[in-house]
Amino acid sequence: MSEKKVIVYSTPTCPYCVMVKQYLNEKKIEYKDIDVSEDQESAEKMFEKSHHMGVPQLWIDHEVIVGFDQTKIDQLLGI
């Protein structure tokens, strides 16, 4: 399996954000976590790419997943 670049856009108060990060940790997937409640510039970048303000958002290489869609995450990561 080739290494995929995974970025998680999240907030500390979002229960699905916590769940998706726990899931990635369980699967030993490395990811960069960006707290959009603290980083307005990243929040704007997230919206520009996805046209969604909702979190969590996972960017896996060039694909965007809005929400905790485990099936799509597994498919894109090849797990």
PDB file of N, CA and C in Angstrom:
ATOM      1  N   MET A   1       0.852  -1.188   0.000  1.00  0.00           N
ATOM      2  CA  MET A   1       0.000   0.000   0.000  1.00  0.00           C
ATOM      3  C   MET A   1       0.884   1.233   0.000  1.00  0.00           C
ATOM      4  N   SER A   2       0.642   2.121  -0.940  1.00  0.00           N
ATOM      5  CA  SER A   2       1.423   3.352  -0.973  1.00  0.00           C
ATOM      6  C   SER A   2       0.905   4.314   0.090  1.00  0.00           C
ATOM      7  N   GLU A   3       1.804   5.152   0.565  1.00  0.00           N
ATOM      8  CA  GLU A   3       1.414   6.108   1.594  1.00  0.00           C
ATOM      9  C   GLU A   3       0.544   7.192   0.987  1.00  0.00           C
ATOM     10  N   LYS A   4      -0.579   7.414   1.582  1.00  0.00           N
ATOM     11  CA  LYS A   4      -1.484   8.460   1.145  1.00  0.00           C
ATOM     12  C   LYS A   4      -1.322   9.650   2.083  1.00  0.00           C
ATOM     13  N   LYS A   5      -1.476  10.843   1.544  1.00  0.00           N
ATOM     14  CA  LYS A   5      -1.446  12.038   2.372  1.00  0.00           C
ATOM     15  C   LYS A   5      -2.857  12.255   2.910  1.00  0.00           C
ATOM     16  N   VAL A   6      -2.984  12.242   4.242  1.00  0.00           N
ATOM     17  CA  VAL A   6      -4.293  12.366   4.882  1.00  0.00           C
ATOM     18  C   VAL A   6      -4.289  13.602   5.773  1.00  0.00           C
ATOM     19  N   ILE A   7      -5.271  14.471   5.537  1.00  0.00           N
ATOM     20  CA  ILE A   7      -5.468  15.648   6.372  1.00  0.00           C
ATOM     21  C   ILE A   7      -6.884  15.579   6.933  1.00  0.00           C
ATOM     22  N   VAL A   8      -7.014  15.824   8.239  1.00  0.00           N
ATOM     23  CA  VAL A   8      -8.328  15.860   8.885  1.00  0.00           C
ATOM     24  C   VAL A   8      -8.579  17.289   9.344  1.00  0.00           C
ATOM     25  N   TYR A   9      -9.651  17.863   8.846  1.00  0.00           N
ATOM     26  CA  TYR A   9     -10.102  19.173   9.322  1.00  0.00           C
ATOM     27  C   TYR A   9     -11.179  18.903  10.364  1.00  0.00           C
ATOM     28  N   SER A  10     -10.992  19.469  11.559  1.00  0.00           N
ATOM     29  CA  SER A  10     -11.873  19.118  12.669  1.00  0.00           C
ATOM     30  C   SER A  10     -12.011  20.275  13.643  1.00  0.00           C
ATOM     31  N   THR A  11     -12.883  20.075  14.630  1.00  0.00           N
ATOM     32  CA  THR A  11     -12.997  20.970  15.780  1.00  0.00           C
ATOM     33  C   THR A  11     -13.001  20.095  17.030  1.00  0.00           C
ATOM     34  N   PRO A  12     -12.573  20.651  18.164  1.00  0.00           N
ATOM     35  CA  PRO A  12     -12.505  19.825  19.377  1.00  0.00           C
ATOM     36  C   PRO A  12     -13.878  19.430  19.929  1.00  0.00           C
ATOM     37  N   THR A  13     -14.949  20.133  19.547  1.00  0.00           N
ATOM     38  CA  THR A  13     -16.273  19.846  20.101  1.00  0.00           C
ATOM     39  C   THR A  13     -17.109  18.926  19.215  1.00  0.00           C
ATOM     40  N   CYS A  14     -16.555  18.480  18.097  1.00  0.00           N
ATOM     41  CA  CYS A  14     -17.292  17.653  17.132  1.00  0.00           C
ATOM     42  C   CYS A  14     -17.104  16.174  17.451  1.00  0.00           C
ATOM     43  N   PRO A  15     -18.188  15.464  17.837  1.00  0.00           N
ATOM     44  CA  PRO A  15     -18.036  14.046  18.188  1.00  0.00           C
ATOM     45  C   PRO A  15     -17.602  13.181  17.007  1.00  0.00           C
ATOM     46  N   TYR A  16     -18.038  13.508  15.785  1.00  0.00           N
ATOM     47  CA  TYR A  16     -17.630  12.719  14.619  1.00  0.00           C
ATOM     48  C   TYR A  16     -16.160  12.942  14.290  1.00  0.00           C
ATOM     49  N   CYS A  17     -15.645  14.137  14.617  1.00  0.00           N
ATOM     50  CA  CYS A  17     -14.218  14.401  14.428  1.00  0.00           C
ATOM     51  C   CYS A  17     -13.398  13.483  15.330  1.00  0.00           C
ATOM     52  N   VAL A  18     -13.829  13.354  16.571  1.00  0.00           N
ATOM     53  CA  VAL A  18     -13.145  12.467  17.523  1.00  0.00           C
ATOM     54  C   VAL A  18     -13.202  11.031  17.009  1.00  0.00           C
ATOM     55  N   MET A  19     -14.369  10.612  16.533  1.00  0.00           N
ATOM     56  CA  MET A  19     -14.534   9.241  16.048  1.00  0.00           C
ATOM     57  C   MET A  19     -13.639   8.946  14.845  1.00  0.00           C
ATOM     58  N   VAL A  20     -13.566   9.878  13.905  1.00  0.00           N
ATOM     59  CA  VAL A  20     -12.766   9.622  12.704  1.00  0.00           C
ATOM     60  C   VAL A  20     -11.284   9.559  13.054  1.00  0.00           C
ATOM     61  N   LYS A  21     -10.832  10.394  13.988  1.00  0.00           N
ATOM     62  CA  LYS A  21      -9.416  10.355  14.390  1.00  0.00           C
ATOM     63  C   LYS A  21      -9.113   9.074  15.165  1.00  0.00           C
ATOM     64  N   GLN A  22     -10.043   8.619  15.995  1.00  0.00           N
ATOM     65  CA  GLN A  22      -9.857   7.343  16.698  1.00  0.00           C
ATOM     66  C   GLN A  22      -9.760   6.193  15.687  1.00  0.00           C
ATOM     67  N   TYR A  23     -10.607   6.246  14.682  1.00  0.00           N
ATOM     68  CA  TYR A  23     -10.601   5.207  13.651  1.00  0.00           C
ATOM     69  C   TYR A  23      -9.262   5.174  12.914  1.00  0.00           C
ATOM     70  N   LEU A  24      -8.781   6.344  12.505  1.00  0.00           N
ATOM     71  CA  LEU A  24      -7.495   6.410  11.806  1.00  0.00           C
ATOM     72  C   LEU A  24      -6.358   5.920  12.703  1.00  0.00           C
ATOM     73  N   ASN A  25      -6.411   6.285  13.980  1.00  0.00           N
ATOM     74  CA  ASN A  25      -5.387   5.818  14.927  1.00  0.00           C
ATOM     75  C   ASN A  25      -5.423   4.295  15.060  1.00  0.00           C
ATOM     76  N   GLU A  26      -6.627   3.720  15.151  1.00  0.00           N
ATOM     77  CA  GLU A  26      -6.761   2.261  15.259  1.00  0.00           C
ATOM     78  C   GLU A  26      -6.165   1.560  14.037  1.00  0.00           C
ATOM     79  N   LYS A  27      -6.342   2.175  12.871  1.00  0.00           N
ATOM     80  CA  LYS A  27      -5.836   1.594  11.622  1.00  0.00           C
ATOM     81  C   LYS A  27      -4.383   1.971  11.359  1.00  0.00           C
ATOM     82  N   LYS A  28      -3.795   2.722  12.304  1.00  0.00           N
ATOM     83  CA  LYS A  28      -2.399   3.155  12.198  1.00  0.00           C
ATOM     84  C   LYS A  28      -2.143   3.970  10.927  1.00  0.00           C
ATOM     85  N   ILE A  29      -3.092   4.839  10.623  1.00  0.00           N
ATOM     86  CA  ILE A  29      -2.979   5.745   9.480  1.00  0.00           C
ATOM     87  C   ILE A  29      -2.470   7.084   9.995  1.00  0.00           C
ATOM     88  N   GLU A  30      -1.362   7.550   9.445  1.00  0.00           N
ATOM     89  CA  GLU A  30      -0.840   8.854   9.840  1.00  0.00           C
ATOM     90  C   GLU A  30      -1.662   9.945   9.161  1.00  0.00           C
ATOM     91  N   TYR A  31      -1.915  11.012   9.911  1.00  0.00           N
ATOM     92  CA  TYR A  31      -2.685  12.119   9.366  1.00  0.00           C
ATOM     93  C   TYR A  31      -2.272  13.414  10.044  1.00  0.00           C
ATOM     94  N   LYS A  32      -2.556  14.500   9.357  1.00  0.00           N
ATOM     95  CA  LYS A  32      -2.346  15.833   9.916  1.00  0.00           C
ATOM     96  C   LYS A  32      -3.709  16.343  10.351  1.00  0.00           C
ATOM     97  N   ASP A  33      -3.813  16.779  11.591  1.00  0.00           N
ATOM     98  CA  ASP A  33      -5.078  17.281  12.137  1.00  0.00           C
ATOM     99  C   ASP A  33      -5.035  18.807  12.169  1.00  0.00           C
ATOM    100  N   ILE A  34      -6.027  19.437  11.546  1.00  0.00           N
ATOM    101  CA  ILE A  34      -6.116  20.890  11.535  1.00  0.00           C
ATOM    102  C   ILE A  34      -7.403  21.294  12.242  1.00  0.00           C
ATOM    103  N   ASP A  35      -7.261  22.053  13.316  1.00  0.00           N
ATOM    104  CA  ASP A  35      -8.396  22.539  14.105  1.00  0.00           C
ATOM    105  C   ASP A  35      -8.891  23.838  13.470  1.00  0.00           C
ATOM    106  N   VAL A  36      -9.996  23.743  12.723  1.00  0.00           N
ATOM    107  CA  VAL A  36     -10.490  24.921  12.008  1.00  0.00           C
ATOM    108  C   VAL A  36     -11.177  25.926  12.931  1.00  0.00           C
ATOM    109  N   SER A  37     -11.422  25.551  14.186  1.00  0.00           N
ATOM    110  CA  SER A  37     -11.971  26.532  15.131  1.00  0.00           C
ATOM    111  C   SER A  37     -10.890  27.510  15.571  1.00  0.00           C
ATOM    112  N   GLU A  38      -9.622  27.120  15.411  1.00  0.00           N
ATOM    113  CA  GLU A  38      -8.490  27.959  15.804  1.00  0.00           C
ATOM    114  C   GLU A  38      -7.747  28.544  14.605  1.00  0.00           C
ATOM    115  N   ASP A  39      -7.998  28.025  13.411  1.00  0.00           N
ATOM    116  CA  ASP A  39      -7.218  28.392  12.230  1.00  0.00           C
ATOM    117  C   ASP A  39      -8.162  28.847  11.117  1.00  0.00           C
ATOM    118  N   GLN A  40      -8.470  30.139  11.088  1.00  0.00           N
ATOM    119  CA  GLN A  40      -9.428  30.682  10.123  1.00  0.00           C
ATOM    120  C   GLN A  40      -8.938  30.524   8.686  1.00  0.00           C
ATOM    121  N   GLU A  41      -7.645  30.682   8.469  1.00  0.00           N
ATOM    122  CA  GLU A  41      -7.093  30.547   7.114  1.00  0.00           C
ATOM    123  C   GLU A  41      -7.314  29.127   6.575  1.00  0.00           C
ATOM    124  N   SER A  42      -7.092  28.127   7.425  1.00  0.00           N
ATOM    125  CA  SER A  42      -7.323  26.735   7.008  1.00  0.00           C
ATOM    126  C   SER A  42      -8.811  26.460   6.805  1.00  0.00           C
ATOM    127  N   ALA A  43      -9.655  27.076   7.627  1.00  0.00           N
ATOM    128  CA  ALA A  43     -11.105  26.910   7.456  1.00  0.00           C
ATOM    129  C   ALA A  43     -11.537  27.445   6.085  1.00  0.00           C
ATOM    130  N   GLU A  44     -10.970  28.581   5.690  1.00  0.00           N
ATOM    131  CA  GLU A  44     -11.305  29.145   4.383  1.00  0.00           C
ATOM    132  C   GLU A  44     -10.794  28.258   3.251  1.00  0.00           C
ATOM    133  N   LYS A  45      -9.581  27.723   3.398  1.00  0.00           N
ATOM    134  CA  LYS A  45      -9.021  26.816   2.396  1.00  0.00           C
ATOM    135  C   LYS A  45      -9.889  25.567   2.269  1.00  0.00           C
ATOM    136  N   MET A  46     -10.334  25.032   3.415  1.00  0.00           N
ATOM    137  CA  MET A  46     -11.188  23.852   3.437  1.00  0.00           C
ATOM    138  C   MET A  46     -12.470  24.124   2.650  1.00  0.00           C
ATOM    139  N   PHE A  47     -13.091  25.273   2.906  1.00  0.00           N
ATOM    140  CA  PHE A  47     -14.346  25.618   2.229  1.00  0.00           C
ATOM    141  C   PHE A  47     -14.130  25.822   0.731  1.00  0.00           C
ATOM    142  N   GLU A  48     -13.027  26.469   0.362  1.00  0.00           N
ATOM    143  CA  GLU A  48     -12.748  26.710  -1.061  1.00  0.00           C
ATOM    144  C   GLU A  48     -12.650  25.406  -1.834  1.00  0.00           C
ATOM    145  N   LYS A  49     -12.054  24.385  -1.236  1.00  0.00           N
ATOM    146  CA  LYS A  49     -11.878  23.120  -1.942  1.00  0.00           C
ATOM    147  C   LYS A  49     -13.151  22.277  -1.938  1.00  0.00           C
ATOM    148  N   SER A  50     -13.832  22.227  -0.800  1.00  0.00           N
ATOM    149  CA  SER A  50     -14.956  21.289  -0.668  1.00  0.00           C
ATOM    150  C   SER A  50     -16.327  21.940  -0.839  1.00  0.00           C
ATOM    151  N   HIS A  51     -16.390  23.263  -0.667  1.00  0.00           N
ATOM    152  CA  HIS A  51     -17.662  24.003  -0.666  1.00  0.00           C
ATOM    153  C   HIS A  51     -18.567  23.576   0.493  1.00  0.00           C
ATOM    154  N   HIS A  52     -17.948  23.056   1.554  1.00  0.00           N
ATOM    155  CA  HIS A  52     -18.658  22.674   2.774  1.00  0.00           C
ATOM    156  C   HIS A  52     -17.923  23.259   3.974  1.00  0.00           C
ATOM    157  N   MET A  53     -18.682  23.697   4.965  1.00  0.00           N
ATOM    158  CA  MET A  53     -18.087  24.162   6.218  1.00  0.00           C
ATOM    159  C   MET A  53     -18.129  23.077   7.289  1.00  0.00           C
ATOM    160  N   GLY A  54     -18.875  22.003   7.025  1.00  0.00           N
ATOM    161  CA  GLY A  54     -19.032  20.950   8.023  1.00  0.00           C
ATOM    162  C   GLY A  54     -17.742  20.179   8.258  1.00  0.00           C
ATOM    163  N   VAL A  55     -17.588  19.698   9.475  1.00  0.00           N
ATOM    164  CA  VAL A  55     -16.465  18.846   9.850  1.00  0.00           C
ATOM    165  C   VAL A  55     -17.017  17.560  10.458  1.00  0.00           C
ATOM    166  N   PRO A  56     -16.274  16.485  10.446  1.00  0.00           N
ATOM    167  CA  PRO A  56     -14.910  16.389   9.940  1.00  0.00           C
ATOM    168  C   PRO A  56     -14.882  16.359   8.416  1.00  0.00           C
ATOM    169  N   GLN A  57     -13.763  16.814   7.898  1.00  0.00           N
ATOM    170  CA  GLN A  57     -13.447  16.618   6.492  1.00  0.00           C
ATOM    171  C   GLN A  57     -12.117  15.906   6.427  1.00  0.00           C
ATOM    172  N   LEU A  58     -12.074  14.867   5.622  1.00  0.00           N
ATOM    173  CA  LEU A  58     -10.827  14.155   5.376  1.00  0.00           C
ATOM    174  C   LEU A  58     -10.419  14.421   3.946  1.00  0.00           C
ATOM    175  N   TRP A  59      -9.200  14.838   3.790  1.00  0.00           N
ATOM    176  CA  TRP A  59      -8.630  14.974   2.454  1.00  0.00           C
ATOM    177  C   TRP A  59      -7.621  13.850   2.316  1.00  0.00           C
ATOM    178  N   ILE A  60      -7.923  12.917   1.458  1.00  0.00           N
ATOM    179  CA  ILE A  60      -7.034  11.783   1.212  1.00  0.00           C
ATOM    180  C   ILE A  60      -6.496  11.965  -0.203  1.00  0.00           C
ATOM    181  N   ASP A  61      -5.215  12.325  -0.267  1.00  0.00           N
ATOM    182  CA  ASP A  61      -4.605  12.775  -1.514  1.00  0.00           C
ATOM    183  C   ASP A  61      -5.475  13.911  -2.069  1.00  0.00           C
ATOM    184  N   HIS A  62      -6.112  13.712  -3.215  1.00  0.00           N
ATOM    185  CA  HIS A  62      -6.900  14.802  -3.800  1.00  0.00           C
ATOM    186  C   HIS A  62      -8.402  14.613  -3.629  1.00  0.00           C
ATOM    187  N   GLU A  63      -8.796  13.588  -2.877  1.00  0.00           N
ATOM    188  CA  GLU A  63     -10.215  13.315  -2.648  1.00  0.00           C
ATOM    189  C   GLU A  63     -10.661  13.929  -1.320  1.00  0.00           C
ATOM    190  N   VAL A  64     -11.888  14.440  -1.297  1.00  0.00           N
ATOM    191  CA  VAL A  64     -12.444  15.042  -0.085  1.00  0.00           C
ATOM    192  C   VAL A  64     -13.626  14.211   0.385  1.00  0.00           C
ATOM    193  N   ILE A  65     -13.622  13.877   1.679  1.00  0.00           N
ATOM    194  CA  ILE A  65     -14.747  13.193   2.304  1.00  0.00           C
ATOM    195  C   ILE A  65     -15.281  14.119   3.383  1.00  0.00           C
ATOM    196  N   VAL A  66     -16.563  14.453   3.300  1.00  0.00           N
ATOM    197  CA  VAL A  66     -17.200  15.278   4.329  1.00  0.00           C
ATOM    198  C   VAL A  66     -17.972  14.336   5.238  1.00  0.00           C
ATOM    199  N   GLY A  67     -17.638  14.348   6.528  1.00  0.00           N
ATOM    200  CA  GLY A  67     -18.275  13.459   7.490  1.00  0.00           C
ATOM    201  C   GLY A  67     -17.467  12.183   7.673  1.00  0.00           C
ATOM    202  N   PHE A  68     -17.926  11.349   8.582  1.00  0.00           N
ATOM    203  CA  PHE A  68     -17.244  10.093   8.883  1.00  0.00           C
ATOM    204  C   PHE A  68     -17.873   8.991   8.047  1.00  0.00           C
ATOM    205  N   ASP A  69     -17.394   8.848   6.810  1.00  0.00           N
ATOM    206  CA  ASP A  69     -17.876   7.831   5.880  1.00  0.00           C
ATOM    207  C   ASP A  69     -16.831   6.712   5.847  1.00  0.00           C
ATOM    208  N   GLN A  70     -16.978   5.767   6.773  1.00  0.00           N
ATOM    209  CA  GLN A  70     -15.967   4.721   6.951  1.00  0.00           C
ATOM    210  C   GLN A  70     -15.756   3.912   5.678  1.00  0.00           C
ATOM    211  N   THR A  71     -16.805   3.617   4.951  1.00  0.00           N
ATOM    212  CA  THR A  71     -16.681   2.824   3.721  1.00  0.00           C
ATOM    213  C   THR A  71     -15.825   3.555   2.708  1.00  0.00           C
ATOM    214  N   LYS A  72     -16.069   4.835   2.522  1.00  0.00           N
ATOM    215  CA  LYS A  72     -15.298   5.606   1.533  1.00  0.00           C
ATOM    216  C   LYS A  72     -13.850   5.798   2.016  1.00  0.00           C
ATOM    217  N   ILE A  73     -13.669   5.997   3.322  1.00  0.00           N
ATOM    218  CA  ILE A  73     -12.313   6.129   3.879  1.00  0.00           C
ATOM    219  C   ILE A  73     -11.528   4.843   3.588  1.00  0.00           C
ATOM    220  N   ASP A  74     -12.128   3.691   3.895  1.00  0.00           N
ATOM    221  CA  ASP A  74     -11.469   2.399   3.661  1.00  0.00           C
ATOM    222  C   ASP A  74     -11.141   2.219   2.177  1.00  0.00           C
ATOM    223  N   GLN A  75     -12.071   2.603   1.323  1.00  0.00           N
ATOM    224  CA  GLN A  75     -11.876   2.461  -0.110  1.00  0.00           C
ATOM    225  C   GLN A  75     -10.705   3.319  -0.588  1.00  0.00           C
ATOM    226  N   LEU A  76     -10.658   4.575  -0.170  1.00  0.00           N
ATOM    227  CA  LEU A  76      -9.593   5.464  -0.626  1.00  0.00           C
ATOM    228  C   LEU A  76      -8.234   5.100  -0.049  1.00  0.00           C
ATOM    229  N   LEU A  77      -8.237   4.538   1.163  1.00  0.00           N
ATOM    230  CA  LEU A  77      -6.983   4.146   1.799  1.00  0.00           C
ATOM    231  C   LEU A  77      -6.557   2.717   1.441  1.00  0.00           C
ATOM    232  N   GLY A  78      -7.446   1.980   0.809  1.00  0.00           N
ATOM    233  CA  GLY A  78      -7.136   0.597   0.440  1.00  0.00           C
ATOM    234  C   GLY A  78      -7.037  -0.330   1.640  1.00  0.00           C
ATOM    235  N   ILE A  79      -7.909  -0.121   2.636  1.00  0.00           N
ATOM    236  CA  ILE A  79      -7.898  -0.974   3.832  1.00  0.00           C
ATOM    237  C   ILE A  79      -9.236  -1.686   3.987  1.00  0.00           C
TER     238      ILE A  79
END
